[in-house]
Protein backbone atom coordinates (compact mmCIF):
# COMPACT_ATOMS: atom_id res chain seq x y z
CA MET A 1 -80.80 -156.44 61.35
CA THR A 2 -80.07 -154.09 58.47
CA GLU A 3 -77.17 -152.21 57.80
CA THR A 4 -77.49 -148.70 59.36
CA ARG A 5 -76.50 -145.78 57.11
CA ILE A 6 -76.79 -142.33 56.40
CA GLN A 7 -77.33 -141.38 52.77
CA GLN A 8 -78.75 -138.87 50.30
CA GLY A 9 -82.40 -138.67 50.24
CA GLU A 10 -85.17 -137.07 48.45
CA ALA A 11 -85.17 -133.42 47.74
CA GLY A 12 -81.59 -132.79 49.14
CA ARG A 13 -82.43 -134.08 52.76
CA LEU A 14 -80.07 -136.85 54.45
CA GLN A 15 -81.74 -139.93 55.08
CA VAL A 16 -81.07 -142.06 57.93
CA VAL A 17 -81.87 -145.79 57.28
CA GLY A 18 -81.81 -148.91 59.98
CA ASP A 19 -81.35 -148.84 63.86
CA LEU A 20 -79.80 -145.91 66.06
CA SER A 21 -78.52 -148.11 68.85
CA PHE A 22 -75.33 -148.19 70.81
CA GLN A 23 -74.04 -150.93 68.69
CA THR A 24 -74.68 -148.73 65.15
CA VAL A 25 -74.24 -145.35 66.35
CA PRO A 26 -70.44 -144.83 66.27
CA GLN A 27 -70.37 -146.00 62.76
CA VAL A 28 -73.21 -143.66 61.69
CA TRP A 29 -71.20 -140.69 63.36
CA ALA A 30 -67.94 -141.54 61.64
CA ASP A 31 -70.09 -142.01 58.17
CA SER A 32 -71.94 -138.78 58.55
CA GLU A 33 -68.88 -136.28 59.00
CA ALA A 34 -67.89 -136.90 55.34
CA VAL A 35 -71.43 -136.67 54.40
CA PHE A 36 -72.06 -133.48 56.38
CA GLN A 37 -69.31 -131.39 54.48
CA LYS A 38 -70.68 -132.00 51.05
CA VAL A 39 -74.33 -130.05 51.98
CA PRO A 40 -74.80 -126.51 52.65
CA GLN A 41 -77.52 -127.34 55.15
CA LEU A 42 -78.54 -130.40 57.08
CA GLU A 43 -81.96 -131.65 56.58
CA ILE A 44 -82.19 -135.17 58.11
CA ASP A 45 -85.05 -137.48 57.66
CA LEU A 46 -85.62 -140.01 60.40
CA ARG A 47 -88.54 -141.67 58.90
CA ASP A 48 -86.50 -144.90 58.22
CA VAL A 49 -85.10 -145.37 61.65
CA SER A 50 -86.50 -148.68 62.77
CA ARG A 51 -85.54 -148.66 66.51
CA SER A 52 -83.50 -146.14 68.62
CA ASP A 53 -82.20 -145.92 72.13
CA SER A 54 -80.42 -143.13 74.05
CA ALA A 55 -77.42 -143.28 71.97
CA GLY A 56 -79.51 -142.45 68.90
CA LEU A 57 -80.72 -138.90 70.70
CA ALA A 58 -77.00 -138.45 71.85
CA LEU A 59 -76.30 -138.75 67.92
CA LEU A 60 -78.81 -136.10 67.22
CA VAL A 61 -77.19 -133.78 69.80
CA GLU A 62 -73.72 -134.19 68.61
CA TRP A 63 -75.02 -133.52 65.18
CA MET A 64 -76.58 -130.18 66.42
CA ARG A 65 -73.24 -129.38 67.99
CA GLN A 66 -71.36 -130.29 64.62
CA ALA A 67 -73.86 -128.19 62.73
CA ARG A 68 -73.09 -125.05 64.92
CA ARG A 69 -69.48 -125.49 64.73
CA ALA A 70 -69.72 -125.61 61.07
CA GLY A 71 -72.05 -122.73 60.88
CA LYS A 72 -74.63 -124.76 59.10
CA VAL A 73 -78.66 -124.92 60.10
CA ILE A 74 -79.60 -128.33 60.78
CA ARG A 75 -83.14 -129.50 60.87
CA PHE A 76 -84.46 -133.30 61.72
CA TYR A 77 -87.68 -134.64 60.00
CA ASN A 78 -89.79 -137.50 61.02
CA ILE A 79 -88.58 -138.22 64.41
CA PRO A 80 -89.61 -141.46 65.54
CA ARG A 81 -91.96 -141.88 68.45
CA GLN A 82 -89.34 -144.10 70.37
CA MET A 83 -86.94 -141.58 69.82
CA LEU A 84 -89.46 -138.34 70.53
CA ALA A 85 -90.41 -140.09 73.63
CA ILE A 86 -86.80 -140.44 75.20
CA ALA A 87 -86.23 -136.64 74.22
CA ARG A 88 -89.47 -135.52 76.15
CA VAL A 89 -88.20 -137.33 79.28
CA SER A 90 -84.91 -135.68 79.09
CA SER A 91 -86.55 -132.20 78.04
CA LEU A 92 -84.27 -132.46 74.57
CA ASP A 93 -87.57 -132.24 72.67
CA GLN A 94 -87.29 -128.44 73.61
CA ILE A 95 -83.82 -127.76 72.04
CA LEU A 96 -83.82 -130.13 69.21
CA PRO A 97 -84.64 -128.71 65.64
CA LEU A 98 -87.68 -130.81 64.85
CA ALA A 99 -89.33 -129.81 61.82
CA ARG A 100 -92.64 -131.05 60.09
CA ASP A 101 -93.40 -131.38 56.59
């Protein structure tokens, strides 16, 4: 398993790399707080998420709350199929700010 991280990606987007699971989400959440403070808007590319469970989806919801509290716009790009399937079952796909390139 590779290390999961959030980093500055292309075109000013933040990029999540690795697994988003119960084991990795707490560290990604902690790391994201400092990264989010540095950018005026939150465009998060999930293309390099290799695996996700419901904890990964919960992280996206928490990031939405964090953005709202900070008065920032947030968008998620390239959400993995596995994560989108979980979102659809719970109807979260209706509230997540999903964007297409």
